[in-house]
Protein backbone atom coordinates (compact mmCIF):
# COMPACT_ATOMS: atom_id res chain seq x y z
CA MET A 1 12.50 5.01 24.93
CA ALA A 2 8.85 5.94 24.52
CA VAL A 3 8.07 7.33 21.08
CA LYS A 4 6.04 10.52 21.02
CA LEU A 5 4.31 11.41 17.78
CA LYS A 6 2.86 14.76 16.79
CA LYS A 7 -0.75 15.50 16.05
CA LEU A 8 -1.53 15.33 12.34
CA ALA A 9 -2.11 19.07 12.21
CA ASP A 10 1.57 19.53 13.11
CA GLN A 11 2.97 16.88 10.79
CA VAL A 12 4.75 16.70 7.46
CA MET A 13 3.70 13.42 5.82
CA VAL A 14 5.10 11.66 2.75
CA ILE A 15 2.76 9.20 1.02
CA THR A 16 3.86 6.96 -1.85
CA GLY A 17 1.26 5.54 -4.22
CA ALA A 18 -0.85 8.62 -3.52
CA SER A 19 -2.57 8.87 -6.91
CA SER A 20 -5.24 6.22 -6.29
CA GLY A 21 -6.84 3.83 -3.84
CA ILE A 22 -5.58 3.71 -0.26
CA GLY A 23 -2.89 6.33 -0.87
CA LEU A 24 -5.38 8.80 -2.31
CA ALA A 25 -7.85 8.18 0.52
CA THR A 26 -5.08 8.68 3.08
CA ALA A 27 -3.93 11.92 1.46
CA GLU A 28 -7.45 13.34 1.41
CA ALA A 29 -8.10 12.37 5.04
CA ALA A 30 -4.72 13.69 6.23
CA ALA A 31 -5.27 17.00 4.44
CA LYS A 32 -8.58 17.46 6.24
CA LYS A 33 -6.73 17.02 9.55
CA GLY A 34 -4.19 19.69 8.64
CA ALA A 35 -1.13 17.63 7.72
CA ARG A 36 1.29 19.09 5.18
CA LEU A 37 1.67 16.53 2.44
CA VAL A 38 4.30 15.34 -0.01
CA LEU A 39 2.47 13.15 -2.53
CA ALA A 40 4.39 10.63 -4.63
CA ALA A 41 3.47 8.28 -7.48
CA ARG A 42 4.33 7.68 -11.12
CA SER A 43 1.09 9.37 -12.30
CA GLY A 44 2.17 13.00 -12.50
CA GLY A 45 -1.12 14.33 -13.81
CA ALA A 46 -3.22 12.63 -11.15
CA LEU A 47 -0.79 13.78 -8.45
CA ASP A 48 -0.89 17.39 -9.63
CA ASP A 49 -4.71 17.31 -9.68
CA LEU A 50 -4.76 16.00 -6.12
CA ALA A 51 -2.23 18.53 -4.81
CA ASN A 52 -4.05 21.39 -6.55
CA ARG A 53 -7.36 20.28 -5.06
CA ILE A 54 -5.92 20.07 -1.55
CA ASN A 55 -4.26 23.47 -1.88
CA ALA A 56 -7.46 25.04 -3.25
CA GLU A 57 -9.31 23.77 -0.17
CA GLY A 58 -6.82 25.43 2.19
CA GLY A 59 -4.38 22.58 2.72
CA GLU A 60 -0.71 22.30 1.85
CA ALA A 61 0.50 19.67 -0.58
CA VAL A 62 3.21 19.18 -3.16
CA SER A 63 3.48 16.43 -5.75
CA VAL A 64 6.66 14.56 -6.68
CA VAL A 65 6.73 12.05 -9.52
CA CYS A 66 8.57 9.02 -8.15
CA ASP A 67 9.10 5.39 -9.10
CA VAL A 68 9.75 3.64 -5.79
CA THR A 69 11.85 0.95 -7.48
CA ASP A 70 14.54 3.59 -8.14
CA ARG A 71 16.46 4.40 -4.95
CA ASP A 72 17.75 7.68 -6.38
CA GLN A 73 14.21 8.86 -7.11
CA VAL A 74 13.09 7.91 -3.59
CA ASP A 75 16.04 9.79 -2.08
CA ARG A 76 15.06 12.83 -4.15
CA LEU A 77 11.52 12.48 -2.80
CA ALA A 78 12.85 12.71 0.76
CA GLU A 79 15.03 15.67 -0.20
CA ALA A 80 12.04 17.42 -1.78
CA ALA A 81 10.03 16.98 1.42
CA VAL A 82 12.79 18.49 3.56
CA ALA A 83 13.42 21.30 1.07
CA ARG A 84 9.73 22.27 1.03
CA PHE A 85 8.72 21.73 4.65
CA GLY A 86 11.97 21.38 6.60
CA ARG A 87 11.46 17.86 7.94
CA ILE A 88 9.54 14.58 7.69
CA ASP A 89 7.30 13.42 10.55
CA THR A 90 5.56 10.42 8.94
CA TRP A 91 6.50 8.38 5.89
CA VAL A 92 3.89 6.03 4.43
CA ASN A 93 5.19 3.27 2.14
CA ASN A 94 1.95 2.54 0.34
CA ALA A 95 2.89 2.08 -3.34
CA GLY A 96 2.16 -1.46 -4.53
CA ILE A 97 0.92 -3.56 -7.44
CA GLY A 98 -1.04 -6.82 -7.66
CA MET A 99 -0.53 -9.90 -9.82
CA TRP A 100 -3.14 -12.46 -10.89
CA GLY A 101 -1.98 -15.87 -12.07
CA ARG A 102 -0.99 -19.38 -11.07
CA LEU A 103 2.54 -19.59 -9.73
CA ASP A 104 3.50 -22.22 -12.31
CA GLU A 105 2.31 -19.93 -15.11
CA THR A 106 3.83 -16.63 -13.93
CA ASP A 107 6.67 -15.06 -15.88
CA THR A 108 9.79 -14.89 -13.71
CA ASP A 109 10.93 -11.48 -14.96
CA GLU A 110 7.50 -10.02 -14.27
CA ALA A 111 7.56 -11.54 -10.78
CA LYS A 112 10.93 -9.91 -10.13
CA ARG A 113 9.47 -6.57 -11.17
CA LEU A 114 6.63 -7.14 -8.70
CA PHE A 115 9.20 -7.62 -5.93
CA ASP A 116 10.97 -4.46 -7.11
CA VAL A 117 7.77 -2.48 -6.51
CA ASN A 118 6.20 -4.17 -3.49
CA PHE A 119 9.27 -5.17 -1.50
CA TRP A 120 12.24 -3.11 -2.68
CA GLY A 121 10.01 -0.04 -2.91
CA VAL A 122 9.40 -0.39 0.83
CA VAL A 123 13.11 -0.91 1.48
CA ASN A 124 13.99 2.17 -0.59
CA GLY A 125 11.39 4.28 1.18
CA SER A 126 12.45 3.08 4.62
CA LEU A 127 16.13 3.79 4.00
CA ALA A 128 15.35 7.26 2.63
CA ALA A 129 13.02 8.11 5.51
CA LEU A 130 14.84 6.73 8.56
CA PRO A 131 17.75 9.23 8.72
CA ARG A 132 15.23 12.08 8.70
CA LEU A 133 12.81 10.43 11.14
CA LYS A 134 15.59 9.67 13.61
CA GLU A 135 16.51 13.36 13.79
CA GLN A 136 13.38 14.47 15.64
CA GLY A 137 11.22 11.34 15.88
CA GLY A 138 8.40 10.15 13.71
CA ALA A 139 6.50 7.26 12.20
CA LEU A 140 7.37 4.85 9.39
CA ILE A 141 4.21 3.11 8.19
CA ASN A 142 4.33 0.21 5.72
CA VAL A 143 1.08 -0.87 4.07
CA GLY A 144 1.10 -4.64 3.84
CA SER A 145 -1.90 -6.93 3.56
CA GLU A 146 -3.73 -9.75 5.26
CA VAL A 147 -1.64 -11.92 2.92
CA SER A 148 1.46 -10.73 4.77
CA ASP A 149 0.46 -13.64 7.06
CA ALA A 150 -2.11 -15.52 4.98
CA TYR A 151 -2.22 -16.27 1.22
CA LEU A 152 -4.58 -16.54 -1.74
CA PRO A 153 -4.72 -18.71 -4.85
CA LEU A 154 -3.93 -16.79 -8.05
CA GLN A 155 -2.21 -14.14 -5.93
CA GLY A 156 0.65 -16.27 -4.72
CA MET A 157 3.42 -14.01 -5.99
CA TYR A 158 1.71 -10.95 -4.52
CA SER A 159 1.40 -12.83 -1.22
CA ALA A 160 5.12 -13.62 -1.36
CA THR A 161 5.98 -9.94 -1.72
CA LYS A 162 3.82 -9.06 1.28
CA HIS A 163 5.35 -11.86 3.37
CA ALA A 164 8.75 -10.41 2.53
CA MET A 165 7.57 -6.93 3.51
CA LYS A 166 6.36 -8.21 6.87
CA GLY A 167 9.65 -9.95 7.61
CA TYR A 168 11.57 -6.80 6.72
CA THR A 169 9.28 -4.52 8.73
CA ASP A 170 9.33 -6.73 11.84
CA ALA A 171 13.12 -7.04 11.85
CA LEU A 172 13.56 -3.34 11.13
CA ARG A 173 11.27 -2.49 14.05
CA VAL A 174 13.43 -4.50 16.46
CA GLU A 175 16.65 -2.89 15.21
CA ILE A 176 15.36 0.69 15.23
CA GLU A 177 12.98 0.69 18.20
CA ASP A 178 14.52 -1.90 20.55
CA VAL A 179 18.22 -2.05 19.69
CA ASP A 180 18.85 1.59 18.76
CA LYS A 181 16.11 2.99 21.03
CA ALA A 182 15.47 5.53 18.29
CA PRO A 183 12.40 7.79 18.57
CA VAL A 184 10.73 6.14 15.57
CA SER A 185 7.53 4.10 15.50
CA ILE A 186 7.47 1.40 12.80
CA THR A 187 4.05 0.05 11.84
CA LEU A 188 2.73 -2.65 9.51
CA ILE A 189 -0.85 -2.09 8.30
CA GLN A 190 -2.61 -5.29 7.16
CA PRO A 191 -5.93 -4.65 5.42
CA THR A 192 -8.29 -7.25 4.05
CA ALA A 193 -9.63 -6.85 0.49
CA VAL A 194 -10.23 -3.15 -0.19
CA ASP A 195 -12.50 -1.60 -2.82
CA THR A 196 -9.84 0.22 -4.87
CA PRO A 197 -8.54 0.06 -8.48
CA PHE A 198 -6.05 -2.61 -7.29
CA PRO A 199 -7.43 -5.34 -9.64
CA GLN A 200 -7.41 -3.02 -12.65
CA HIS A 201 -3.78 -2.06 -11.96
CA ALA A 202 -2.64 -5.67 -11.49
CA ARG A 203 -0.52 -7.67 -13.92
CA ASN A 204 -2.85 -10.42 -15.11
CA PHE A 205 -1.70 -13.79 -16.49
CA THR A 206 -5.21 -15.30 -16.53
CA ASP A 207 -7.84 -15.30 -19.27
CA ARG A 208 -10.45 -13.31 -17.32
CA GLU A 209 -10.77 -9.87 -15.76
CA PRO A 210 -9.51 -9.90 -12.15
CA MET A 211 -11.60 -9.01 -9.13
CA LEU A 212 -11.17 -9.19 -5.38
CA PRO A 213 -13.32 -11.58 -3.33
CA LYS A 214 -16.11 -10.02 -1.32
CA PRO A 215 -16.80 -8.60 1.18
CA MET A 216 -14.48 -5.66 0.67
CA ILE A 217 -13.87 -2.76 3.02
CA GLU A 218 -13.79 0.91 2.08
CA PRO A 219 -10.41 2.63 1.53
CA LYS A 220 -11.29 5.13 4.26
CA GLN A 221 -11.03 2.36 6.87
CA VAL A 222 -7.41 1.75 5.89
CA ALA A 223 -6.69 5.48 5.72
CA ASP A 224 -8.08 5.86 9.24
CA ALA A 225 -5.77 3.07 10.50
CA ILE A 226 -2.75 4.71 8.83
CA LEU A 227 -3.54 8.12 10.31
CA HIS A 228 -4.09 6.63 13.76
CA ALA A 229 -0.64 5.01 13.56
CA ALA A 230 0.82 8.36 12.50
CA GLU A 231 -0.28 9.85 15.84
CA HIS A 232 -0.14 6.79 18.13
CA PRO A 233 2.81 4.35 18.08
CA THR A 234 1.44 1.08 16.72
CA ARG A 235 3.24 -2.20 16.10
CA ASP A 236 0.81 -3.60 13.54
CA LYS A 237 -2.85 -3.27 12.69
CA ALA A 238 -5.21 -5.67 10.93
CA VAL A 239 -7.94 -3.70 9.14
CA GLY A 240 -11.27 -5.38 8.51
CA ALA A 241 -12.77 -8.55 9.96
CA GLY A 242 -11.52 -10.59 7.00
CA SER A 243 -7.93 -9.76 7.84
CA LEU A 244 -8.32 -10.99 11.41
CA ILE A 245 -10.13 -14.17 10.36
CA ASN A 246 -7.77 -15.10 7.54
CA THR A 247 -4.55 -14.45 9.46
CA VAL A 248 -5.78 -16.47 12.45
CA MET A 249 -6.98 -19.31 10.21
CA ALA A 250 -3.64 -19.45 8.40
CA SER A 251 -1.88 -19.72 11.75
CA VAL A 252 -4.05 -22.07 13.83
CA ALA A 253 -5.90 -24.14 11.21
CA PRO A 254 -3.80 -24.10 8.02
CA ALA A 255 -5.28 -27.29 6.52
CA LEU A 256 -8.80 -25.92 6.87
CA ALA A 257 -7.64 -22.58 5.49
CA ASP A 258 -6.18 -24.36 2.46
CA ARG A 259 -9.50 -26.06 1.68
CA GLN A 260 -11.46 -22.84 2.06
CA LEU A 261 -9.02 -20.86 -0.05
CA ALA A 262 -9.14 -23.44 -2.85
CA LYS A 263 -12.83 -22.64 -3.23
CA MET A 264 -11.96 -18.98 -3.80
CA ALA A 265 -9.99 -19.57 -6.98
CA ASP A 266 -13.16 -19.13 -9.08
CA GLN A 267 -14.29 -16.08 -7.10
CA MET A 268 -11.44 -13.86 -8.22
CA HIS A 269 -12.56 -13.04 -11.76
CA TYR A 270 -15.32 -11.26 -13.58
CA ASP A 271 -17.02 -13.23 -16.36
CA GLU A 272 -15.31 -11.34 -19.16
CA PRO A 273 -11.93 -11.30 -20.95
CA PRO A 274 -9.09 -9.27 -19.38
CA ARG A 275 -9.25 -5.57 -20.21
CA ASN A 276 -5.67 -4.57 -19.44
CA PRO A 277 -3.48 -7.62 -18.75
CA ASP A 278 -0.29 -5.55 -18.42
CA GLY A 279 -1.80 -3.41 -15.68
CA ALA A 280 0.46 -0.79 -14.12
CA LEU A 281 3.41 -3.04 -13.35
CA HIS A 282 5.79 -1.24 -15.71
CA GLY A 283 4.27 2.23 -15.86
CA ALA A 284 1.62 4.55 -14.52
CA SER A 285 -1.96 3.62 -15.31
CA ALA A 286 -3.91 6.05 -17.46
CA ASN A 287 -7.18 4.78 -15.97
CA SER A 288 -8.62 3.88 -12.58
CA THR A 289 -6.87 6.61 -10.61
CA GLY A 290 -9.75 7.18 -8.18
CA VAL A 291 -10.23 5.95 -4.64
CA VAL A 292 -12.60 3.06 -5.39
CA GLY A 293 -12.43 0.31 -7.98
CA GLN A 294 -14.43 -0.21 -11.15
CA THR A 295 -17.45 -2.48 -11.53
CA HIS A 296 -16.87 -4.98 -14.31
CA GLY A 297 -18.68 -8.05 -15.52
CA THR A 298 -20.75 -9.10 -18.54
CA GLY A 299 -24.46 -8.56 -18.09
CA GLY A 300 -24.01 -7.75 -14.43
CA LYS A 301 -22.41 -11.12 -13.74
CA GLU A 302 -19.32 -11.36 -11.60
CA PRO A 303 -17.45 -14.58 -10.97
CA ARG A 304 -18.46 -17.76 -12.75
């Protein structure tokens, strides 16, 4: 059956990872379009500030502290949305963490925690959202990455989590949309490198401060893709030219892609020691809660 989605002005939207980066940009853009918002993250203070700002500007938003690795907390998030607004129209699984380090030097327990956040967080959110979305129709939007299809050196474990997310999302789409014929649109968003606090939040096993390779796109571009999918059923969406190029290269010319990617290993650090190697893998970050990332580097230098 054809899925019909409401205009954003008529929607109740849940966004995980809403305290910074893509999630924050999406929340701000959705509020301007009139959506009623349920904002979730581990950073309670940042969430409250965001909700208060949206409400002061005439929008409607509530904040719910939630660790997406805990299924009970995610279920309570869904219950809070229904209790406050009566339903859920769009659920955005955006919460995620990065990891810098060679695969043969990455701690296994830390890697499992990364999967808990990036993969099982999406599973938890999907299972909490789907019963509500099936009731009256809606959109489930999972924020993946270009490395859901491609890959990067020093971000191999992160790439693995995003590959897993893509496999889950694609299979879920078939079961819900094509087998069940449910009125739910399931979307995978695949952005290229985005200028957010993602590197500062990442778990870092290297001896230098992490950075994303350039060029980067603005978080608003990803937010726009998410909000478009909330109104228009979309299977998947690559965001940014880099995402299109890298996913195609990984598919049609993998050997060439390997050689090009090997050259990027030295382009993923600032020329300074790591500032916060633990990142936000195990708890909310006290810093870097804005939309865009921080400029690091010694003496203005970036990668060496």
